[in-house]
Amino acid sequence: MKHQRWYDKDPLLKEALELLKLQPADKQPGAVDFIIKLQEEIAKDVIEKVYDMVNEYQQSGNRWYDKDPVLLKAMETLRVASPQTQRIAAKKLLENLAAMAEENEND
């Protein structure tokens, strides 16, 4: 049985994060910025738990986003967000990735 990741439960969120994963490292920060802004929608105590976890696992995890501290923080913030917030973020991420792809085609 294949291990299910936390974002596999929502097909839209899964698609958005899989596309983010495929982006070159220099393109990820722009796509990640809005995820970090979600912190405003999440309780302060949750954010503190996320930061504690990030400090503990940074550079030592096996997930594709564990090696980048900014991306790790953004993904953990998204992970603890409500399903509704995750879905909104996924839609925005897909829009952002589509705009970046279109921009790259025009260059």
PDB file of N, CA and C in Angstrom:
ATOM      1  N   MET A   1       0.830  -1.176   0.000  1.00  0.00           N
ATOM      2  CA  MET A   1       0.000   0.000   0.000  1.00  0.00           C
ATOM      3  C   MET A   1       0.882   1.250   0.000  1.00  0.00           C
ATOM      4  N   LYS A   2       0.576   2.174  -0.862  1.00  0.00           N
ATOM      5  CA  LYS A   2       1.354   3.396  -0.981  1.00  0.00           C
ATOM      6  C   LYS A   2       1.011   4.350   0.156  1.00  0.00           C
ATOM      7  N   HIS A   3       2.040   4.966   0.709  1.00  0.00           N
ATOM      8  CA  HIS A   3       1.861   5.938   1.786  1.00  0.00           C
ATOM      9  C   HIS A   3       1.181   7.183   1.237  1.00  0.00           C
ATOM     10  N   GLN A   4       0.137   7.628   1.896  1.00  0.00           N
ATOM     11  CA  GLN A   4      -0.580   8.811   1.432  1.00  0.00           C
ATOM     12  C   GLN A   4      -0.041  10.048   2.142  1.00  0.00           C
ATOM     13  N   ARG A   5       0.289  11.055   1.358  1.00  0.00           N
ATOM     14  CA  ARG A   5       0.785  12.319   1.908  1.00  0.00           C
ATOM     15  C   ARG A   5      -0.399  13.161   2.368  1.00  0.00           C
ATOM     16  N   TRP A   6      -0.134  14.120   3.246  1.00  0.00           N
ATOM     17  CA  TRP A   6      -1.213  14.927   3.798  1.00  0.00           C
ATOM     18  C   TRP A   6      -1.981  15.680   2.723  1.00  0.00           C
ATOM     19  N   TYR A   7      -1.347  16.026   1.624  1.00  0.00           N
ATOM     20  CA  TYR A   7      -2.027  16.802   0.594  1.00  0.00           C
ATOM     21  C   TYR A   7      -2.682  15.943  -0.488  1.00  0.00           C
ATOM     22  N   ASP A   8      -2.567  14.629  -0.374  1.00  0.00           N
ATOM     23  CA  ASP A   8      -3.194  13.742  -1.357  1.00  0.00           C
ATOM     24  C   ASP A   8      -4.711  13.673  -1.202  1.00  0.00           C
ATOM     25  N   LYS A   9      -5.231  14.118  -0.074  1.00  0.00           N
ATOM     26  CA  LYS A   9      -6.668  14.027   0.191  1.00  0.00           C
ATOM     27  C   LYS A   9      -7.495  14.932  -0.718  1.00  0.00           C
ATOM     28  N   ASP A  10      -6.916  16.039  -1.158  1.00  0.00           N
ATOM     29  CA  ASP A  10      -7.618  16.996  -2.017  1.00  0.00           C
ATOM     30  C   ASP A  10      -6.934  17.002  -3.382  1.00  0.00           C
ATOM     31  N   PRO A  11      -7.639  16.567  -4.430  1.00  0.00           N
ATOM     32  CA  PRO A  11      -7.007  16.479  -5.757  1.00  0.00           C
ATOM     33  C   PRO A  11      -6.459  17.812  -6.269  1.00  0.00           C
ATOM     34  N   LEU A  12      -7.152  18.906  -5.969  1.00  0.00           N
ATOM     35  CA  LEU A  12      -6.687  20.214  -6.420  1.00  0.00           C
ATOM     36  C   LEU A  12      -5.397  20.608  -5.701  1.00  0.00           C
ATOM     37  N   LEU A  13      -5.370  20.388  -4.400  1.00  0.00           N
ATOM     38  CA  LEU A  13      -4.172  20.686  -3.614  1.00  0.00           C
ATOM     39  C   LEU A  13      -3.015  19.799  -4.056  1.00  0.00           C
ATOM     40  N   LYS A  14      -3.296  18.536  -4.293  1.00  0.00           N
ATOM     41  CA  LYS A  14      -2.269  17.607  -4.750  1.00  0.00           C
ATOM     42  C   LYS A  14      -1.668  18.075  -6.078  1.00  0.00           C
ATOM     43  N   GLU A  15      -2.529  18.460  -7.020  1.00  0.00           N
ATOM     44  CA  GLU A  15      -2.047  18.922  -8.319  1.00  0.00           C
ATOM     45  C   GLU A  15      -1.179  20.171  -8.174  1.00  0.00           C
ATOM     46  N   ALA A  16      -1.639  21.116  -7.353  1.00  0.00           N
ATOM     47  CA  ALA A  16      -0.890  22.357  -7.168  1.00  0.00           C
ATOM     48  C   ALA A  16       0.494  22.087  -6.584  1.00  0.00           C
ATOM     49  N   LEU A  17       0.554  21.232  -5.575  1.00  0.00           N
ATOM     50  CA  LEU A  17       1.843  20.970  -4.930  1.00  0.00           C
ATOM     51  C   LEU A  17       2.753  20.108  -5.789  1.00  0.00           C
ATOM     52  N   GLU A  18       2.183  19.212  -6.573  1.00  0.00           N
ATOM     53  CA  GLU A  18       3.007  18.432  -7.498  1.00  0.00           C
ATOM     54  C   GLU A  18       3.622  19.349  -8.558  1.00  0.00           C
ATOM     55  N   LEU A  19       2.848  20.327  -9.038  1.00  0.00           N
ATOM     56  CA  LEU A  19       3.388  21.285 -10.007  1.00  0.00           C
ATOM     57  C   LEU A  19       4.455  22.165  -9.368  1.00  0.00           C
ATOM     58  N   LEU A  20       4.236  22.567  -8.120  1.00  0.00           N
ATOM     59  CA  LEU A  20       5.245  23.351  -7.417  1.00  0.00           C
ATOM     60  C   LEU A  20       6.531  22.551  -7.273  1.00  0.00           C
ATOM     61  N   LYS A  21       6.392  21.278  -6.969  1.00  0.00           N
ATOM     62  CA  LYS A  21       7.549  20.399  -6.804  1.00  0.00           C
ATOM     63  C   LYS A  21       8.387  20.340  -8.089  1.00  0.00           C
ATOM     64  N   LEU A  22       7.733  20.411  -9.237  1.00  0.00           N
ATOM     65  CA  LEU A  22       8.413  20.302 -10.520  1.00  0.00           C
ATOM     66  C   LEU A  22       9.089  21.598 -10.971  1.00  0.00           C
ATOM     67  N   GLN A  23       8.797  22.693 -10.279  1.00  0.00           N
ATOM     68  CA  GLN A  23       9.371  23.979 -10.657  1.00  0.00           C
ATOM     69  C   GLN A  23      10.857  24.017 -10.320  1.00  0.00           C
ATOM     70  N   PRO A  24      11.634  24.700 -11.148  1.00  0.00           N
ATOM     71  CA  PRO A  24      13.052  24.879 -10.816  1.00  0.00           C
ATOM     72  C   PRO A  24      13.165  25.646  -9.496  1.00  0.00           C
ATOM     73  N   ALA A  25      14.211  25.401  -8.757  1.00  0.00           N
ATOM     74  CA  ALA A  25      14.387  26.006  -7.441  1.00  0.00           C
ATOM     75  C   ALA A  25      14.307  27.534  -7.486  1.00  0.00           C
ATOM     76  N   ASP A  26      14.809  28.139  -8.562  1.00  0.00           N
ATOM     77  CA  ASP A  26      14.787  29.603  -8.630  1.00  0.00           C
ATOM     78  C   ASP A  26      13.392  30.158  -8.902  1.00  0.00           C
ATOM     79  N   LYS A  27      12.451  29.310  -9.286  1.00  0.00           N
ATOM     80  CA  LYS A  27      11.077  29.743  -9.549  1.00  0.00           C
ATOM     81  C   LYS A  27      10.163  29.512  -8.354  1.00  0.00           C
ATOM     82  N   GLN A  28      10.552  28.679  -7.406  1.00  0.00           N
ATOM     83  CA  GLN A  28       9.689  28.335  -6.282  1.00  0.00           C
ATOM     84  C   GLN A  28       9.416  29.493  -5.324  1.00  0.00           C
ATOM     85  N   PRO A  29      10.383  30.348  -5.010  1.00  0.00           N
ATOM     86  CA  PRO A  29      10.102  31.391  -4.017  1.00  0.00           C
ATOM     87  C   PRO A  29       8.903  32.274  -4.358  1.00  0.00           C
ATOM     88  N   GLY A  30       8.742  32.650  -5.612  1.00  0.00           N
ATOM     89  CA  GLY A  30       7.602  33.478  -5.986  1.00  0.00           C
ATOM     90  C   GLY A  30       6.285  32.758  -5.771  1.00  0.00           C
ATOM     91  N   ALA A  31       6.253  31.481  -6.071  1.00  0.00           N
ATOM     92  CA  ALA A  31       5.040  30.693  -5.890  1.00  0.00           C
ATOM     93  C   ALA A  31       4.756  30.417  -4.424  1.00  0.00           C
ATOM     94  N   VAL A  32       5.773  30.465  -3.597  1.00  0.00           N
ATOM     95  CA  VAL A  32       5.630  30.149  -2.177  1.00  0.00           C
ATOM     96  C   VAL A  32       5.201  31.368  -1.360  1.00  0.00           C
ATOM     97  N   ASP A  33       5.476  32.571  -1.855  1.00  0.00           N
ATOM     98  CA  ASP A  33       5.194  33.781  -1.086  1.00  0.00           C
ATOM     99  C   ASP A  33       3.764  33.837  -0.569  1.00  0.00           C
ATOM    100  N   PHE A  34       2.812  33.520  -1.424  1.00  0.00           N
ATOM    101  CA  PHE A  34       1.423  33.642  -0.978  1.00  0.00           C
ATOM    102  C   PHE A  34       1.070  32.597   0.071  1.00  0.00           C
ATOM    103  N   ILE A  35       1.743  31.459   0.071  1.00  0.00           N
ATOM    104  CA  ILE A  35       1.462  30.439   1.089  1.00  0.00           C
ATOM    105  C   ILE A  35       1.864  30.975   2.463  1.00  0.00           C
ATOM    106  N   ILE A  36       2.984  31.654   2.508  1.00  0.00           N
ATOM    107  CA  ILE A  36       3.440  32.214   3.778  1.00  0.00           C
ATOM    108  C   ILE A  36       2.446  33.251   4.290  1.00  0.00           C
ATOM    109  N   LYS A  37       1.790  33.969   3.385  1.00  0.00           N
ATOM    110  CA  LYS A  37       0.787  34.954   3.794  1.00  0.00           C
ATOM    111  C   LYS A  37      -0.412  34.303   4.479  1.00  0.00           C
ATOM    112  N   LEU A  38      -0.580  33.018   4.305  1.00  0.00           N
ATOM    113  CA  LEU A  38      -1.676  32.307   4.969  1.00  0.00           C
ATOM    114  C   LEU A  38      -1.515  32.307   6.478  1.00  0.00           C
ATOM    115  N   GLN A  39      -0.325  32.614   6.947  1.00  0.00           N
ATOM    116  CA  GLN A  39      -0.080  32.645   8.381  1.00  0.00           C
ATOM    117  C   GLN A  39      -1.060  33.570   9.094  1.00  0.00           C
ATOM    118  N   GLU A  40      -1.501  34.618   8.397  1.00  0.00           N
ATOM    119  CA  GLU A  40      -2.441  35.556   8.984  1.00  0.00           C
ATOM    120  C   GLU A  40      -3.779  34.890   9.288  1.00  0.00           C
ATOM    121  N   GLU A  41      -4.089  33.809   8.582  1.00  0.00           N
ATOM    122  CA  GLU A  41      -5.360  33.122   8.762  1.00  0.00           C
ATOM    123  C   GLU A  41      -5.280  31.972   9.758  1.00  0.00           C
ATOM    124  N   ILE A  42      -4.103  31.726  10.276  1.00  0.00           N
ATOM    125  CA  ILE A  42      -3.912  30.597  11.182  1.00  0.00           C
ATOM    126  C   ILE A  42      -3.521  31.136  12.551  1.00  0.00           C
ATOM    127  N   ALA A  43      -4.020  30.512  13.588  1.00  0.00           N
ATOM    128  CA  ALA A  43      -3.759  30.973  14.951  1.00  0.00           C
ATOM    129  C   ALA A  43      -2.269  31.019  15.253  1.00  0.00           C
ATOM    130  N   LYS A  44      -1.883  31.962  16.105  1.00  0.00           N
ATOM    131  CA  LYS A  44      -0.482  32.156  16.452  1.00  0.00           C
ATOM    132  C   LYS A  44       0.145  30.909  17.074  1.00  0.00           C
ATOM    133  N   ASP A  45      -0.590  30.200  17.911  1.00  0.00           N
ATOM    134  CA  ASP A  45      -0.023  29.014  18.558  1.00  0.00           C
ATOM    135  C   ASP A  45       0.286  27.918  17.543  1.00  0.00           C
ATOM    136  N   VAL A  46      -0.531  27.836  16.502  1.00  0.00           N
ATOM    137  CA  VAL A  46      -0.274  26.857  15.444  1.00  0.00           C
ATOM    138  C   VAL A  46       1.006  27.229  14.709  1.00  0.00           C
ATOM    139  N   ILE A  47       1.170  28.514  14.428  1.00  0.00           N
ATOM    140  CA  ILE A  47       2.370  28.986  13.738  1.00  0.00           C
ATOM    141  C   ILE A  47       3.618  28.669  14.567  1.00  0.00           C
ATOM    142  N   GLU A  48       3.538  28.864  15.864  1.00  0.00           N
ATOM    143  CA  GLU A  48       4.683  28.570  16.718  1.00  0.00           C
ATOM    144  C   GLU A  48       5.035  27.085  16.667  1.00  0.00           C
ATOM    145  N   LYS A  49       4.015  26.209  16.629  1.00  0.00           N
ATOM    146  CA  LYS A  49       4.260  24.767  16.516  1.00  0.00           C
ATOM    147  C   LYS A  49       4.925  24.443  15.181  1.00  0.00           C
ATOM    148  N   VAL A  50       4.469  25.108  14.133  1.00  0.00           N
ATOM    149  CA  VAL A  50       5.062  24.904  12.808  1.00  0.00           C
ATOM    150  C   VAL A  50       6.528  25.308  12.840  1.00  0.00           C
ATOM    151  N   TYR A  51       6.835  26.451  13.404  1.00  0.00           N
ATOM    152  CA  TYR A  51       8.211  26.921  13.438  1.00  0.00           C
ATOM    153  C   TYR A  51       9.094  26.001  14.272  1.00  0.00           C
ATOM    154  N   ASP A  52       8.554  25.487  15.379  1.00  0.00           N
ATOM    155  CA  ASP A  52       9.308  24.530  16.187  1.00  0.00           C
ATOM    156  C   ASP A  52       9.618  23.275  15.377  1.00  0.00           C
ATOM    157  N   MET A  53       8.618  22.788  14.639  1.00  0.00           N
ATOM    158  CA  MET A  53       8.801  21.598  13.809  1.00  0.00           C
ATOM    159  C   MET A  53       9.825  21.868  12.707  1.00  0.00           C
ATOM    160  N   VAL A  54       9.728  23.042  12.104  1.00  0.00           N
ATOM    161  CA  VAL A  54      10.669  23.405  11.038  1.00  0.00           C
ATOM    162  C   VAL A  54      12.091  23.405  11.576  1.00  0.00           C
ATOM    163  N   ASN A  55      12.285  23.990  12.728  1.00  0.00           N
ATOM    164  CA  ASN A  55      13.624  24.018  13.319  1.00  0.00           C
ATOM    165  C   ASN A  55      14.136  22.617  13.620  1.00  0.00           C
ATOM    166  N   GLU A  56      13.239  21.731  14.016  1.00  0.00           N
ATOM    167  CA  GLU A  56      13.631  20.362  14.350  1.00  0.00           C
ATOM    168  C   GLU A  56      13.985  19.544  13.107  1.00  0.00           C
ATOM    169  N   TYR A  57      13.211  19.686  12.036  1.00  0.00           N
ATOM    170  CA  TYR A  57      13.376  18.815  10.869  1.00  0.00           C
ATOM    171  C   TYR A  57      14.124  19.431   9.697  1.00  0.00           C
ATOM    172  N   GLN A  58      14.409  20.718   9.771  1.00  0.00           N
ATOM    173  CA  GLN A  58      15.069  21.385   8.652  1.00  0.00           C
ATOM    174  C   GLN A  58      16.354  20.656   8.267  1.00  0.00           C
ATOM    175  N   GLN A  59      16.495  20.377   7.006  1.00  0.00           N
ATOM    176  CA  GLN A  59      17.646  19.713   6.406  1.00  0.00           C
ATOM    177  C   GLN A  59      17.758  18.223   6.738  1.00  0.00           C
ATOM    178  N   SER A  60      16.829  17.690   7.538  1.00  0.00           N
ATOM    179  CA  SER A  60      16.974  16.282   7.901  1.00  0.00           C
ATOM    180  C   SER A  60      15.820  15.419   7.411  1.00  0.00           C
ATOM    181  N   GLY A  61      14.801  16.018   6.835  1.00  0.00           N
ATOM    182  CA  GLY A  61      13.641  15.242   6.396  1.00  0.00           C
ATOM    183  C   GLY A  61      13.832  14.629   5.031  1.00  0.00           C
ATOM    184  N   ASN A  62      12.913  13.751   4.677  1.00  0.00           N
ATOM    185  CA  ASN A  62      12.978  13.063   3.387  1.00  0.00           C
ATOM    186  C   ASN A  62      12.001  13.615   2.355  1.00  0.00           C
ATOM    187  N   ARG A  63      11.153  14.544   2.767  1.00  0.00           N
ATOM    188  CA  ARG A  63      10.174  15.082   1.825  1.00  0.00           C
ATOM    189  C   ARG A  63      10.852  16.038   0.851  1.00  0.00           C
ATOM    190  N   TRP A  64      10.263  16.205  -0.317  1.00  0.00           N
ATOM    191  CA  TRP A  64      10.874  17.012  -1.361  1.00  0.00           C
ATOM    192  C   TRP A  64      11.072  18.465  -0.952  1.00  0.00           C
ATOM    193  N   TYR A  65      10.325  18.956   0.011  1.00  0.00           N
ATOM    194  CA  TYR A  65      10.433  20.350   0.414  1.00  0.00           C
ATOM    195  C   TYR A  65      11.214  20.552   1.717  1.00  0.00           C
ATOM    196  N   ASP A  66      11.754  19.512   2.310  1.00  0.00           N
ATOM    197  CA  ASP A  66      12.446  19.617   3.593  1.00  0.00           C
ATOM    198  C   ASP A  66      13.795  20.340   3.517  1.00  0.00           C
ATOM    199  N   LYS A  67      14.416  20.385   2.377  1.00  0.00           N
ATOM    200  CA  LYS A  67      15.768  20.946   2.266  1.00  0.00           C
ATOM    201  C   LYS A  67      15.786  22.471   2.155  1.00  0.00           C
ATOM    202  N   ASP A  68      14.655  23.078   1.822  1.00  0.00           N
ATOM    203  CA  ASP A  68      14.567  24.532   1.666  1.00  0.00           C
ATOM    204  C   ASP A  68      13.777  25.087   2.848  1.00  0.00           C
ATOM    205  N   PRO A  69      14.407  25.874   3.734  1.00  0.00           N
ATOM    206  CA  PRO A  69      13.714  26.329   4.945  1.00  0.00           C
ATOM    207  C   PRO A  69      12.480  27.184   4.666  1.00  0.00           C
ATOM    208  N   VAL A  70      12.512  28.008   3.634  1.00  0.00           N
ATOM    209  CA  VAL A  70      11.351  28.842   3.306  1.00  0.00           C
ATOM    210  C   VAL A  70      10.214  27.967   2.789  1.00  0.00           C
ATOM    211  N   LEU A  71      10.542  27.057   1.911  1.00  0.00           N
ATOM    212  CA  LEU A  71       9.536  26.156   1.358  1.00  0.00           C
ATOM    213  C   LEU A  71       8.982  25.234   2.443  1.00  0.00           C
ATOM    214  N   LEU A  72       9.834  24.760   3.317  1.00  0.00           N
ATOM    215  CA  LEU A  72       9.395  23.899   4.422  1.00  0.00           C
ATOM    216  C   LEU A  72       8.408  24.641   5.318  1.00  0.00           C
ATOM    217  N   LYS A  73       8.728  25.872   5.659  1.00  0.00           N
ATOM    218  CA  LYS A  73       7.846  26.673   6.506  1.00  0.00           C
ATOM    219  C   LYS A  73       6.505  26.901   5.799  1.00  0.00           C
ATOM    220  N   ALA A  74       6.551  27.210   4.525  1.00  0.00           N
ATOM    221  CA  ALA A  74       5.316  27.437   3.770  1.00  0.00           C
ATOM    222  C   ALA A  74       4.464  26.171   3.698  1.00  0.00           C
ATOM    223  N   MET A  75       5.100  25.051   3.446  1.00  0.00           N
ATOM    224  CA  MET A  75       4.355  23.795   3.318  1.00  0.00           C
ATOM    225  C   MET A  75       3.754  23.373   4.655  1.00  0.00           C
ATOM    226  N   GLU A  76       4.475  23.544   5.736  1.00  0.00           N
ATOM    227  CA  GLU A  76       3.944  23.186   7.045  1.00  0.00           C
ATOM    228  C   GLU A  76       2.804  24.113   7.449  1.00  0.00           C
ATOM    229  N   THR A  77       2.911  25.389   7.087  1.00  0.00           N
ATOM    230  CA  THR A  77       1.816  26.317   7.343  1.00  0.00           C
ATOM    231  C   THR A  77       0.579  25.878   6.575  1.00  0.00           C
ATOM    232  N   LEU A  78       0.769  25.505   5.342  1.00  0.00           N
ATOM    233  CA  LEU A  78      -0.342  25.030   4.524  1.00  0.00           C
ATOM    234  C   LEU A  78      -0.909  23.726   5.073  1.00  0.00           C
ATOM    235  N   ARG A  79      -0.049  22.850   5.548  1.00  0.00           N
ATOM    236  CA  ARG A  79      -0.494  21.554   6.065  1.00  0.00           C
ATOM    237  C   ARG A  79      -1.439  21.710   7.245  1.00  0.00           C
ATOM    238  N   VAL A  80      -1.177  22.670   8.122  1.00  0.00           N
ATOM    239  CA  VAL A  80      -2.008  22.831   9.310  1.00  0.00           C
ATOM    240  C   VAL A  80      -3.199  23.759   9.081  1.00  0.00           C
ATOM    241  N   ALA A  81      -3.286  24.344   7.898  1.00  0.00           N
ATOM    242  CA  ALA A  81      -4.420  25.214   7.572  1.00  0.00           C
ATOM    243  C   ALA A  81      -5.689  24.383   7.423  1.00  0.00           C
ATOM    244  N   SER A  82      -6.816  25.051   7.482  1.00  0.00           N
ATOM    245  CA  SER A  82      -8.095  24.363   7.286  1.00  0.00           C
ATOM    246  C   SER A  82      -8.191  23.873   5.845  1.00  0.00           C
ATOM    247  N   PRO A  83      -8.994  22.840   5.589  1.00  0.00           N
ATOM    248  CA  PRO A  83      -9.170  22.363   4.216  1.00  0.00           C
ATOM    249  C   PRO A  83      -9.634  23.473   3.262  1.00  0.00           C
ATOM    250  N   GLN A  84     -10.475  24.363   3.751  1.00  0.00           N
ATOM    251  CA  GLN A  84     -10.944  25.472   2.906  1.00  0.00           C
ATOM    252  C   GLN A  84      -9.785  26.386   2.525  1.00  0.00           C
ATOM    253  N   THR A  85      -8.926  26.703   3.486  1.00  0.00           N
ATOM    254  CA  THR A  85      -7.768  27.547   3.216  1.00  0.00           C
ATOM    255  C   THR A  85      -6.789  26.836   2.284  1.00  0.00           C
ATOM    256  N   GLN A  86      -6.616  25.530   2.476  1.00  0.00           N
ATOM    257  CA  GLN A  86      -5.744  24.757   1.589  1.00  0.00           C
ATOM    258  C   GLN A  86      -6.250  24.816   0.153  1.00  0.00           C
ATOM    259  N   ARG A  87      -7.556  24.705  -0.011  1.00  0.00           N
ATOM    260  CA  ARG A  87      -8.143  24.712  -1.355  1.00  0.00           C
ATOM    261  C   ARG A  87      -7.963  26.077  -2.028  1.00  0.00           C
ATOM    262  N   ILE A  88      -8.169  27.139  -1.267  1.00  0.00           N
ATOM    263  CA  ILE A  88      -7.972  28.489  -1.801  1.00  0.00           C
ATOM    264  C   ILE A  88      -6.514  28.664  -2.211  1.00  0.00           C
ATOM    265  N   ALA A  89      -5.609  28.208  -1.354  1.00  0.00           N
ATOM    266  CA  ALA A  89      -4.175  28.307  -1.663  1.00  0.00           C
ATOM    267  C   ALA A  89      -3.827  27.501  -2.905  1.00  0.00           C
ATOM    268  N   ALA A  90      -4.413  26.314  -3.039  1.00  0.00           N
ATOM    269  CA  ALA A  90      -4.144  25.477  -4.208  1.00  0.00           C
ATOM    270  C   ALA A  90      -4.579  26.176  -5.486  1.00  0.00           C
ATOM    271  N   LYS A  91      -5.750  26.800  -5.466  1.00  0.00           N
ATOM    272  CA  LYS A  91      -6.232  27.529  -6.651  1.00  0.00           C
ATOM    273  C   LYS A  91      -5.286  28.668  -6.997  1.00  0.00           C
ATOM    274  N   LYS A  92      -4.877  29.422  -5.975  1.00  0.00           N
ATOM    275  CA  LYS A  92      -3.965  30.545  -6.219  1.00  0.00           C
ATOM    276  C   LYS A  92      -2.610  30.050  -6.710  1.00  0.00           C
ATOM    277  N   LEU A  93      -2.152  28.946  -6.160  1.00  0.00           N
ATOM    278  CA  LEU A  93      -0.874  28.386  -6.591  1.00  0.00           C
ATOM    279  C   LEU A  93      -0.941  27.960  -8.054  1.00  0.00           C
ATOM    280  N   LEU A  94      -2.027  27.301  -8.432  1.00  0.00           N
ATOM    281  CA  LEU A  94      -2.188  26.892  -9.838  1.00  0.00           C
ATOM    282  C   LEU A  94      -2.216  28.112 -10.754  1.00  0.00           C
ATOM    283  N   GLU A  95      -2.910  29.159 -10.341  1.00  0.00           N
ATOM    284  CA  GLU A  95      -2.944  30.385 -11.140  1.00  0.00           C
ATOM    285  C   GLU A  95      -1.552  30.992 -11.259  1.00  0.00           C
ATOM    286  N   ASN A  96      -0.826  31.020 -10.141  1.00  0.00           N
ATOM    287  CA  ASN A  96       0.519  31.570 -10.121  1.00  0.00           C
ATOM    288  C   ASN A  96       1.456  30.765 -11.011  1.00  0.00           C
ATOM    289  N   LEU A  97       1.385  29.445 -10.934  1.00  0.00           N
ATOM    290  CA  LEU A  97       2.240  28.586 -11.758  1.00  0.00           C
ATOM    291  C   LEU A  97       1.906  28.733 -13.238  1.00  0.00           C
ATOM    292  N   ALA A  98       0.618  28.878 -13.551  1.00  0.00           N
ATOM    293  CA  ALA A  98       0.211  29.073 -14.945  1.00  0.00           C
ATOM    294  C   ALA A  98       0.747  30.401 -15.470  1.00  0.00           C
ATOM    295  N   ALA A  99       0.683  31.438 -14.645  1.00  0.00           N
ATOM    296  CA  ALA A  99       1.203  32.754 -15.056  1.00  0.00           C
ATOM    297  C   ALA A  99       2.712  32.679 -15.260  1.00  0.00           C
ATOM    298  N   MET A 100       3.409  31.968 -14.383  1.00  0.00           N
ATOM    299  CA  MET A 100       4.861  31.822 -14.533  1.00  0.00           C
ATOM    300  C   MET A 100       5.198  31.063 -15.814  1.00  0.00           C
ATOM    301  N   ALA A 101       4.430  30.026 -16.122  1.00  0.00           N
ATOM    302  CA  ALA A 101       4.673  29.249 -17.338  1.00  0.00           C
ATOM    303  C   ALA A 101       4.442  30.101 -18.572  1.00  0.00           C
ATOM    304  N   GLU A 102       3.393  30.909 -18.538  1.00  0.00           N
ATOM    305  CA  GLU A 102       3.090  31.790 -19.666  1.00  0.00           C
ATOM    306  C   GLU A 102       4.191  32.839 -19.832  1.00  0.00           C
ATOM    307  N   GLU A 103       4.676  33.352 -18.723  1.00  0.00           N
ATOM    308  CA  GLU A 103       5.765  34.321 -18.741  1.00  0.00           C
ATOM    309  C   GLU A 103       7.026  33.725 -19.358  1.00  0.00           C
ATOM    310  N   ASN A 104       7.312  32.469 -19.003  1.00  0.00           N
ATOM    311  CA  ASN A 104       8.486  31.777 -19.548  1.00  0.00           C
ATOM    312  C   ASN A 104       8.352  31.545 -21.044  1.00  0.00           C
ATOM    313  N   GLU A 105       7.143  31.280 -21.514  1.00  0.00           N
ATOM    314  CA  GLU A 105       6.916  31.080 -22.954  1.00  0.00           C
ATOM    315  C   GLU A 105       7.129  32.363 -23.724  1.00  0.00           C
ATOM    316  N   ASN A 106       6.799  33.492 -23.103  1.00  0.00           N
ATOM    317  CA  ASN A 106       6.924  34.781 -23.774  1.00  0.00           C
ATOM    318  C   ASN A 106       8.341  35.329 -23.766  1.00  0.00           C
ATOM    319  N   ASP A 107       9.200  34.748 -22.946  1.00  0.00           N
ATOM    320  CA  ASP A 107      10.600  35.222 -22.870  1.00  0.00           C
ATOM    321  C   ASP A 107      11.427  34.714 -24.013  1.00  0.00           C
TER     322      ASP A 107
END
